[in-house]
Amino acid sequence: MQRALEGPRRAGNTPVGGELKVGNTHGVKQAKATESKIYVDGQEVKFVAYNIGGYNYFKLRDIAKVLNFGVLWDGGNNAIKVDTSQTYKE
C-alpha cells in the first residue's frame, strides 16, 4: 500500500478544535527524512520534510508557496500569521 497526502490547491479550511493544543511529550526525538508523497491537483510535489515520532513535518513557507497563501512574521508579538486571503510572497 502506498501512503500519500493529496488535496486540491486553495481548498478551504474548517477548524475542528485542538489545532493549537500543546502536546505533553518532552525530550529529544529522532528526525528522519520522510518518504511520504504529497500531491496537489494530482501532481506530485517535493518538499524537504521530516518524520518525528510518527508525524510528518513540513516547512510552512514551502506549503504556502505551493498552495498560494500568505505567511507573515509578526515580530512585535513573536508570532507567525497565516492569511489565506493573501497570496504567497517570497
PDB file of N, CA and C in Angstrom:
ATOM      1  N   MET A   1       0.839  -1.179   0.000  1.00  0.00           N
ATOM      2  CA  MET A   1       0.000   0.000   0.000  1.00  0.00           C
ATOM      3  C   MET A   1       0.883   1.241   0.000  1.00  0.00           C
ATOM      4  N   GLN A   2       0.581   2.178  -0.864  1.00  0.00           N
ATOM      5  CA  GLN A   2       1.356   3.406  -0.944  1.00  0.00           C
ATOM      6  C   GLN A   2       0.658   4.480  -0.121  1.00  0.00           C
ATOM      7  N   ARG A   3       1.430   5.183   0.693  1.00  0.00           N
ATOM      8  CA  ARG A   3       0.860   6.242   1.522  1.00  0.00           C
ATOM      9  C   ARG A   3       1.149   7.571   0.887  1.00  0.00           C
ATOM     10  N   ALA A   4       0.140   8.432   0.813  1.00  0.00           N
ATOM     11  CA  ALA A   4       0.308   9.741   0.202  1.00  0.00           C
ATOM     12  C   ALA A   4      -0.728  10.700   0.763  1.00  0.00           C
ATOM     13  N   LEU A   5      -0.435  11.980   0.663  1.00  0.00           N
ATOM     14  CA  LEU A   5      -1.359  13.046   1.012  1.00  0.00           C
ATOM     15  C   LEU A   5      -1.742  13.734  -0.280  1.00  0.00           C
ATOM     16  N   GLU A   6      -3.032  13.899  -0.519  1.00  0.00           N
ATOM     17  CA  GLU A   6      -3.474  14.506  -1.762  1.00  0.00           C
ATOM     18  C   GLU A   6      -4.576  15.505  -1.458  1.00  0.00           C
ATOM     19  N   GLY A   7      -4.568  16.627  -2.173  1.00  0.00           N
ATOM     20  CA  GLY A   7      -5.611  17.621  -1.985  1.00  0.00           C
ATOM     21  C   GLY A   7      -5.558  18.679  -3.055  1.00  0.00           C
ATOM     22  N   PRO A   8      -6.653  19.434  -3.196  1.00  0.00           N
ATOM     23  CA  PRO A   8      -6.691  20.499  -4.202  1.00  0.00           C
ATOM     24  C   PRO A   8      -6.004  21.758  -3.698  1.00  0.00           C
ATOM     25  N   ARG A   9      -5.577  22.589  -4.604  1.00  0.00           N
ATOM     26  CA  ARG A   9      -4.974  23.880  -4.295  1.00  0.00           C
ATOM     27  C   ARG A   9      -6.063  24.836  -3.820  1.00  0.00           C
ATOM     28  N   ARG A  10      -5.784  25.635  -2.800  1.00  0.00           N
ATOM     29  CA  ARG A  10      -6.668  26.677  -2.267  1.00  0.00           C
ATOM     30  C   ARG A  10      -8.002  26.134  -1.751  1.00  0.00           C
ATOM     31  N   ALA A  11      -8.002  24.935  -1.214  1.00  0.00           N
ATOM     32  CA  ALA A  11      -9.206  24.407  -0.583  1.00  0.00           C
ATOM     33  C   ALA A  11      -9.424  25.137   0.731  1.00  0.00           C
ATOM     34  N   GLY A  12     -10.663  25.295   1.131  1.00  0.00           N
ATOM     35  CA  GLY A  12     -10.977  25.987   2.374  1.00  0.00           C
ATOM     36  C   GLY A  12     -10.545  25.177   3.585  1.00  0.00           C
ATOM     37  N   ASN A  13     -10.428  25.826   4.721  1.00  0.00           N
ATOM     38  CA  ASN A  13     -10.032  25.170   5.962  1.00  0.00           C
ATOM     39  C   ASN A  13     -11.153  25.338   6.967  1.00  0.00           C
ATOM     40  N   THR A  14     -11.565  24.247   7.572  1.00  0.00           N
ATOM     41  CA  THR A  14     -12.590  24.291   8.605  1.00  0.00           C
ATOM     42  C   THR A  14     -11.972  23.834   9.915  1.00  0.00           C
ATOM     43  N   PRO A  15     -11.821  24.749  10.881  1.00  0.00           N
ATOM     44  CA  PRO A  15     -11.266  24.352  12.171  1.00  0.00           C
ATOM     45  C   PRO A  15     -12.155  23.301  12.846  1.00  0.00           C
ATOM     46  N   VAL A  16     -11.533  22.326  13.495  1.00  0.00           N
ATOM     47  CA  VAL A  16     -12.286  21.283  14.185  1.00  0.00           C
ATOM     48  C   VAL A  16     -12.017  21.301  15.684  1.00  0.00           C
ATOM     49  N   GLY A  17     -11.099  22.156  16.117  1.00  0.00           N
ATOM     50  CA  GLY A  17     -10.756  22.241  17.540  1.00  0.00           C
ATOM     51  C   GLY A  17      -9.512  21.442  17.862  1.00  0.00           C
ATOM     52  N   GLY A  18      -8.680  21.957  18.738  1.00  0.00           N
ATOM     53  CA  GLY A  18      -7.475  21.254  19.149  1.00  0.00           C
ATOM     54  C   GLY A  18      -6.283  21.479  18.237  1.00  0.00           C
ATOM     55  N   GLU A  19      -6.412  22.299  17.192  1.00  0.00           N
ATOM     56  CA  GLU A  19      -5.311  22.507  16.251  1.00  0.00           C
ATOM     57  C   GLU A  19      -4.058  23.079  16.916  1.00  0.00           C
ATOM     58  N   LEU A  20      -4.227  23.897  17.923  1.00  0.00           N
ATOM     59  CA  LEU A  20      -3.082  24.543  18.572  1.00  0.00           C
ATOM     60  C   LEU A  20      -2.778  23.954  19.945  1.00  0.00           C
ATOM     61  N   LYS A  21      -3.323  22.781  20.227  1.00  0.00           N
ATOM     62  CA  LYS A  21      -3.101  22.134  21.525  1.00  0.00           C
ATOM     63  C   LYS A  21      -1.637  21.744  21.681  1.00  0.00           C
ATOM     64  N   VAL A  22      -1.067  22.060  22.824  1.00  0.00           N
ATOM     65  CA  VAL A  22       0.314  21.709  23.125  1.00  0.00           C
ATOM     66  C   VAL A  22       0.352  20.282  23.645  1.00  0.00           C
ATOM     67  N   GLY A  23       1.223  19.479  23.053  1.00  0.00           N
ATOM     68  CA  GLY A  23       1.359  18.087  23.475  1.00  0.00           C
ATOM     69  C   GLY A  23       2.078  17.975  24.804  1.00  0.00           C
ATOM     70  N   ASN A  24       2.039  16.801  25.399  1.00  0.00           N
ATOM     71  CA  ASN A  24       2.682  16.600  26.694  1.00  0.00           C
ATOM     72  C   ASN A  24       3.930  15.732  26.586  1.00  0.00           C
ATOM     73  N   THR A  25       4.525  15.651  25.390  1.00  0.00           N
ATOM     74  CA  THR A  25       5.743  14.861  25.233  1.00  0.00           C
ATOM     75  C   THR A  25       6.956  15.774  25.332  1.00  0.00           C
ATOM     76  N   HIS A  26       7.986  15.283  25.961  1.00  0.00           N
ATOM     77  CA  HIS A  26       9.200  16.063  26.162  1.00  0.00           C
ATOM     78  C   HIS A  26      10.402  15.214  25.776  1.00  0.00           C
ATOM     79  N   GLY A  27      11.548  15.873  25.649  1.00  0.00           N
ATOM     80  CA  GLY A  27      12.779  15.142  25.408  1.00  0.00           C
ATOM     81  C   GLY A  27      13.241  15.238  23.963  1.00  0.00           C
ATOM     82  N   VAL A  28      14.350  14.587  23.701  1.00  0.00           N
ATOM     83  CA  VAL A  28      14.955  14.590  22.373  1.00  0.00           C
ATOM     84  C   VAL A  28      14.284  13.528  21.525  1.00  0.00           C
ATOM     85  N   LYS A  29      13.994  13.871  20.275  1.00  0.00           N
ATOM     86  CA  LYS A  29      13.369  12.929  19.357  1.00  0.00           C
ATOM     87  C   LYS A  29      14.215  12.808  18.105  1.00  0.00           C
ATOM     88  N   GLN A  30      14.185  11.651  17.512  1.00  0.00           N
ATOM     89  CA  GLN A  30      14.919  11.383  16.276  1.00  0.00           C
ATOM     90  C   GLN A  30      14.109  11.900  15.085  1.00  0.00           C
ATOM     91  N   ALA A  31      14.756  12.650  14.218  1.00  0.00           N
ATOM     92  CA  ALA A  31      14.113  13.123  12.989  1.00  0.00           C
ATOM     93  C   ALA A  31      14.772  12.437  11.804  1.00  0.00           C
ATOM     94  N   LYS A  32      13.942  11.965  10.873  1.00  0.00           N
ATOM     95  CA  LYS A  32      14.491  11.370   9.655  1.00  0.00           C
ATOM     96  C   LYS A  32      13.700  11.895   8.469  1.00  0.00           C
ATOM     97  N   ALA A  33      14.351  11.955   7.331  1.00  0.00           N
ATOM     98  CA  ALA A  33      13.670  12.435   6.124  1.00  0.00           C
ATOM     99  C   ALA A  33      12.470  11.543   5.854  1.00  0.00           C
ATOM    100  N   THR A  34      11.326  12.157   5.540  1.00  0.00           N
ATOM    101  CA  THR A  34      10.121  11.386   5.267  1.00  0.00           C
ATOM    102  C   THR A  34      10.093  10.930   3.812  1.00  0.00           C
ATOM    103  N   GLU A  35       9.485   9.803   3.601  1.00  0.00           N
ATOM    104  CA  GLU A  35       9.335   9.292   2.247  1.00  0.00           C
ATOM    105  C   GLU A  35       7.902   9.446   1.767  1.00  0.00           C
ATOM    106  N   SER A  36       7.068  10.156   2.533  1.00  0.00           N
ATOM    107  CA  SER A  36       5.675  10.366   2.145  1.00  0.00           C
ATOM    108  C   SER A  36       5.593  11.171   0.860  1.00  0.00           C
ATOM    109  N   LYS A  37       4.636  10.808   0.026  1.00  0.00           N
ATOM    110  CA  LYS A  37       4.422  11.545  -1.222  1.00  0.00           C
ATOM    111  C   LYS A  37       3.295  12.541  -1.016  1.00  0.00           C
ATOM    112  N   ILE A  38       3.466  13.730  -1.587  1.00  0.00           N
ATOM    113  CA  ILE A  38       2.475  14.789  -1.491  1.00  0.00           C
ATOM    114  C   ILE A  38       2.008  15.114  -2.902  1.00  0.00           C
ATOM    115  N   TYR A  39       0.688  15.178  -3.087  1.00  0.00           N
ATOM    116  CA  TYR A  39       0.107  15.515  -4.385  1.00  0.00           C
ATOM    117  C   TYR A  39      -0.789  16.729  -4.239  1.00  0.00           C
ATOM    118  N   VAL A  40      -0.647  17.685  -5.136  1.00  0.00           N
ATOM    119  CA  VAL A  40      -1.506  18.863  -5.193  1.00  0.00           C
ATOM    120  C   VAL A  40      -2.058  18.935  -6.611  1.00  0.00           C
ATOM    121  N   ASP A  41      -3.364  18.964  -6.722  1.00  0.00           N
ATOM    122  CA  ASP A  41      -4.029  18.964  -8.033  1.00  0.00           C
ATOM    123  C   ASP A  41      -3.546  17.801  -8.894  1.00  0.00           C
ATOM    124  N   GLY A  42      -3.315  16.647  -8.275  1.00  0.00           N
ATOM    125  CA  GLY A  42      -2.915  15.455  -8.996  1.00  0.00           C
ATOM    126  C   GLY A  42      -1.447  15.375  -9.372  1.00  0.00           C
ATOM    127  N   GLN A  43      -0.662  16.401  -9.061  1.00  0.00           N
ATOM    128  CA  GLN A  43       0.761  16.430  -9.394  1.00  0.00           C
ATOM    129  C   GLN A  43       1.593  16.238  -8.121  1.00  0.00           C
ATOM    130  N   GLU A  44       2.601  15.361  -8.199  1.00  0.00           N
ATOM    131  CA  GLU A  44       3.463  15.168  -7.038  1.00  0.00           C
ATOM    132  C   GLU A  44       4.312  16.406  -6.806  1.00  0.00           C
ATOM    133  N   VAL A  45       4.395  16.824  -5.548  1.00  0.00           N
ATOM    134  CA  VAL A  45       5.179  17.989  -5.140  1.00  0.00           C
ATOM    135  C   VAL A  45       6.245  17.502  -4.166  1.00  0.00           C
ATOM    136  N   LYS A  46       7.484  17.931  -4.363  1.00  0.00           N
ATOM    137  CA  LYS A  46       8.591  17.533  -3.485  1.00  0.00           C
ATOM    138  C   LYS A  46       8.809  18.603  -2.416  1.00  0.00           C
ATOM    139  N   PHE A  47       8.862  18.171  -1.174  1.00  0.00           N
ATOM    140  CA  PHE A  47       9.161  19.047  -0.049  1.00  0.00           C
ATOM    141  C   PHE A  47      10.324  18.451   0.730  1.00  0.00           C
ATOM    142  N   VAL A  48      11.077  19.298   1.415  1.00  0.00           N
ATOM    143  CA  VAL A  48      12.006  18.810   2.429  1.00  0.00           C
ATOM    144  C   VAL A  48      11.130  18.618   3.664  1.00  0.00           C
ATOM    145  N   ALA A  49      10.983  17.379   4.093  1.00  0.00           N
ATOM    146  CA  ALA A  49      10.083  17.074   5.207  1.00  0.00           C
ATOM    147  C   ALA A  49      10.713  16.011   6.090  1.00  0.00           C
ATOM    148  N   TYR A  50      10.285  15.990   7.340  1.00  0.00           N
ATOM    149  CA  TYR A  50      10.856  15.074   8.313  1.00  0.00           C
ATOM    150  C   TYR A  50       9.766  14.327   9.062  1.00  0.00           C
ATOM    151  N   ASN A  51      10.062  13.087   9.428  1.00  0.00           N
ATOM    152  CA  ASN A  51       9.183  12.298  10.263  1.00  0.00           C
ATOM    153  C   ASN A  51       9.795  12.290  11.657  1.00  0.00           C
ATOM    154  N   ILE A  52       9.007  12.763  12.614  1.00  0.00           N
ATOM    155  CA  ILE A  52       9.434  12.814  14.009  1.00  0.00           C
ATOM    156  C   ILE A  52       8.329  12.172  14.839  1.00  0.00           C
ATOM    157  N   GLY A  53       8.645  11.084  15.495  1.00  0.00           N
ATOM    158  CA  GLY A  53       7.663  10.411  16.349  1.00  0.00           C
ATOM    159  C   GLY A  53       6.438   9.924  15.600  1.00  0.00           C
ATOM    160  N   GLY A  54       6.601   9.571  14.330  1.00  0.00           N
ATOM    161  CA  GLY A  54       5.474   9.069  13.545  1.00  0.00           C
ATOM    162  C   GLY A  54       4.659  10.148  12.857  1.00  0.00           C
ATOM    163  N   TYR A  55       5.046  11.415  13.011  1.00  0.00           N
ATOM    164  CA  TYR A  55       4.339  12.527  12.377  1.00  0.00           C
ATOM    165  C   TYR A  55       5.248  13.193  11.355  1.00  0.00           C
ATOM    166  N   ASN A  56       4.676  13.617  10.235  1.00  0.00           N
ATOM    167  CA  ASN A  56       5.451  14.309   9.210  1.00  0.00           C
ATOM    168  C   ASN A  56       5.377  15.813   9.428  1.00  0.00           C
ATOM    169  N   TYR A  57       6.532  16.466   9.316  1.00  0.00           N
ATOM    170  CA  TYR A  57       6.635  17.909   9.498  1.00  0.00           C
ATOM    171  C   TYR A  57       7.181  18.538   8.223  1.00  0.00           C
ATOM    172  N   PHE A  58       6.547  19.647   7.808  1.00  0.00           N
ATOM    173  CA  PHE A  58       6.912  20.359   6.591  1.00  0.00           C
ATOM    174  C   PHE A  58       7.190  21.812   6.937  1.00  0.00           C
ATOM    175  N   LYS A  59       7.971  22.476   6.116  1.00  0.00           N
ATOM    176  CA  LYS A  59       8.214  23.911   6.300  1.00  0.00           C
ATOM    177  C   LYS A  59       6.959  24.660   5.853  1.00  0.00           C
ATOM    178  N   LEU A  60       6.451  25.508   6.724  1.00  0.00           N
ATOM    179  CA  LEU A  60       5.220  26.241   6.436  1.00  0.00           C
ATOM    180  C   LEU A  60       5.343  27.058   5.152  1.00  0.00           C
ATOM    181  N   ARG A  61       6.476  27.710   4.940  1.00  0.00           N
ATOM    182  CA  ARG A  61       6.639  28.522   3.720  1.00  0.00           C
ATOM    183  C   ARG A  61       6.632  27.667   2.458  1.00  0.00           C
ATOM    184  N   ASP A  62       7.146  26.437   2.520  1.00  0.00           N
ATOM    185  CA  ASP A  62       7.090  25.548   1.356  1.00  0.00           C
ATOM    186  C   ASP A  62       5.640  25.218   1.003  1.00  0.00           C
ATOM    187  N   ILE A  63       4.840  24.923   2.017  1.00  0.00           N
ATOM    188  CA  ILE A  63       3.430  24.603   1.790  1.00  0.00           C
ATOM    189  C   ILE A  63       2.688  25.836   1.293  1.00  0.00           C
ATOM    190  N   ALA A  64       2.974  27.002   1.900  1.00  0.00           N
ATOM    191  CA  ALA A  64       2.319  28.247   1.497  1.00  0.00           C
ATOM    192  C   ALA A  64       2.605  28.580   0.038  1.00  0.00           C
ATOM    193  N   LYS A  65       3.831  28.333  -0.386  1.00  0.00           N
ATOM    194  CA  LYS A  65       4.208  28.629  -1.770  1.00  0.00           C
ATOM    195  C   LYS A  65       3.417  27.767  -2.752  1.00  0.00           C
ATOM    196  N   VAL A  66       3.318  26.482  -2.471  1.00  0.00           N
ATOM    197  CA  VAL A  66       2.611  25.567  -3.368  1.00  0.00           C
ATOM    198  C   VAL A  66       1.099  25.805  -3.345  1.00  0.00           C
ATOM    199  N   LEU A  67       0.539  26.039  -2.163  1.00  0.00           N
ATOM    200  CA  LEU A  67      -0.909  26.232  -2.044  1.00  0.00           C
ATOM    201  C   LEU A  67      -1.327  27.689  -2.191  1.00  0.00           C
ATOM    202  N   ASN A  68      -0.331  28.587  -2.260  1.00  0.00           N
ATOM    203  CA  ASN A  68      -0.553  30.011  -2.519  1.00  0.00           C
ATOM    204  C   ASN A  68      -1.382  30.715  -1.439  1.00  0.00           C
ATOM    205  N   PHE A  69      -0.839  30.727  -0.217  1.00  0.00           N
ATOM    206  CA  PHE A  69      -1.438  31.538   0.843  1.00  0.00           C
ATOM    207  C   PHE A  69      -0.343  32.320   1.547  1.00  0.00           C
ATOM    208  N   GLY A  70      -0.734  33.380   2.240  1.00  0.00           N
ATOM    209  CA  GLY A  70       0.217  34.274   2.882  1.00  0.00           C
ATOM    210  C   GLY A  70       0.722  33.757   4.220  1.00  0.00           C
ATOM    211  N   VAL A  71       2.020  33.952   4.449  1.00  0.00           N
ATOM    212  CA  VAL A  71       2.655  33.652   5.739  1.00  0.00           C
ATOM    213  C   VAL A  71       3.454  34.882   6.131  1.00  0.00           C
ATOM    214  N   LEU A  72       3.160  35.411   7.283  1.00  0.00           N
ATOM    215  CA  LEU A  72       3.796  36.647   7.743  1.00  0.00           C
ATOM    216  C   LEU A  72       4.413  36.454   9.117  1.00  0.00           C
ATOM    217  N   TRP A  73       5.498  37.165   9.379  1.00  0.00           N
ATOM    218  CA  TRP A  73       6.112  37.170  10.702  1.00  0.00           C
ATOM    219  C   TRP A  73       5.723  38.440  11.414  1.00  0.00           C
ATOM    220  N   ASP A  74       5.140  38.311  12.594  1.00  0.00           N
ATOM    221  CA  ASP A  74       4.762  39.436  13.440  1.00  0.00           C
ATOM    222  C   ASP A  74       5.776  39.502  14.574  1.00  0.00           C
ATOM    223  N   GLY A  75       6.840  40.287  14.358  1.00  0.00           N
ATOM    224  CA  GLY A  75       7.911  40.382  15.335  1.00  0.00           C
ATOM    225  C   GLY A  75       7.466  40.977  16.662  1.00  0.00           C
ATOM    226  N   GLY A  76       6.514  41.909  16.616  1.00  0.00           N
ATOM    227  CA  GLY A  76       6.023  42.539  17.842  1.00  0.00           C
ATOM    228  C   GLY A  76       5.377  41.546  18.787  1.00  0.00           C
ATOM    229  N   ASN A  77       4.714  40.568  18.219  1.00  0.00           N
ATOM    230  CA  ASN A  77       4.038  39.559  19.032  1.00  0.00           C
ATOM    231  C   ASN A  77       4.760  38.213  19.009  1.00  0.00           C
ATOM    232  N   ASN A  78       5.927  38.185  18.329  1.00  0.00           N
ATOM    233  CA  ASN A  78       6.705  36.951  18.228  1.00  0.00           C
ATOM    234  C   ASN A  78       5.825  35.794  17.746  1.00  0.00           C
ATOM    235  N   ALA A  79       5.122  36.048  16.611  1.00  0.00           N
ATOM    236  CA  ALA A  79       4.143  35.078  16.122  1.00  0.00           C
ATOM    237  C   ALA A  79       4.171  34.963  14.600  1.00  0.00           C
ATOM    238  N   ILE A  80       3.800  33.803  14.121  1.00  0.00           N
ATOM    239  CA  ILE A  80       3.618  33.573  12.692  1.00  0.00           C
ATOM    240  C   ILE A  80       2.144  33.746  12.397  1.00  0.00           C
ATOM    241  N   LYS A  81       1.833  34.430  11.307  1.00  0.00           N
ATOM    242  CA  LYS A  81       0.442  34.618  10.914  1.00  0.00           C
ATOM    243  C   LYS A  81       0.213  33.980   9.547  1.00  0.00           C
ATOM    244  N   VAL A  82      -0.831  33.184   9.450  1.00  0.00           N
ATOM    245  CA  VAL A  82      -1.238  32.565   8.193  1.00  0.00           C
ATOM    246  C   VAL A  82      -2.476  33.304   7.724  1.00  0.00           C
ATOM    247  N   ASP A  83      -2.433  33.794   6.484  1.00  0.00           N
ATOM    248  CA  ASP A  83      -3.550  34.554   5.935  1.00  0.00           C
ATOM    249  C   ASP A  83      -3.946  33.954   4.592  1.00  0.00           C
ATOM    250  N   THR A  84      -5.024  33.177   4.584  1.00  0.00           N
ATOM    251  CA  THR A  84      -5.455  32.507   3.358  1.00  0.00           C
ATOM    252  C   THR A  84      -6.134  33.465   2.376  1.00  0.00           C
ATOM    253  N   SER A  85      -6.386  34.705   2.796  1.00  0.00           N
ATOM    254  CA  SER A  85      -6.941  35.699   1.859  1.00  0.00           C
ATOM    255  C   SER A  85      -5.853  36.380   1.052  1.00  0.00           C
ATOM    256  N   GLN A  86      -4.587  36.165   1.445  1.00  0.00           N
ATOM    257  CA  GLN A  86      -3.426  36.739   0.752  1.00  0.00           C
ATOM    258  C   GLN A  86      -2.787  35.652  -0.112  1.00  0.00           C
ATOM    259  N   THR A  87      -2.027  36.096  -1.132  1.00  0.00           N
ATOM    260  CA  THR A  87      -1.244  35.164  -1.934  1.00  0.00           C
ATOM    261  C   THR A  87       0.153  35.078  -1.347  1.00  0.00           C
ATOM    262  N   TYR A  88       0.880  34.032  -1.716  1.00  0.00           N
ATOM    263  CA  TYR A  88       2.229  33.818  -1.210  1.00  0.00           C
ATOM    264  C   TYR A  88       3.174  34.863  -1.777  1.00  0.00           C
ATOM    265  N   LYS A  89       4.060  35.394  -0.949  1.00  0.00           N
ATOM    266  CA  LYS A  89       5.100  36.336  -1.359  1.00  0.00           C
ATOM    267  C   LYS A  89       6.426  35.849  -0.794  1.00  0.00           C
ATOM    268  N   GLU A  90       7.467  35.894  -1.625  1.00  0.00           N
ATOM    269  CA  GLU A  90       8.815  35.469  -1.172  1.00  0.00           C
ATOM    270  C   GLU A  90       9.314  36.405  -0.103  1.00  0.00           C
TER     271      GLU A  90
END
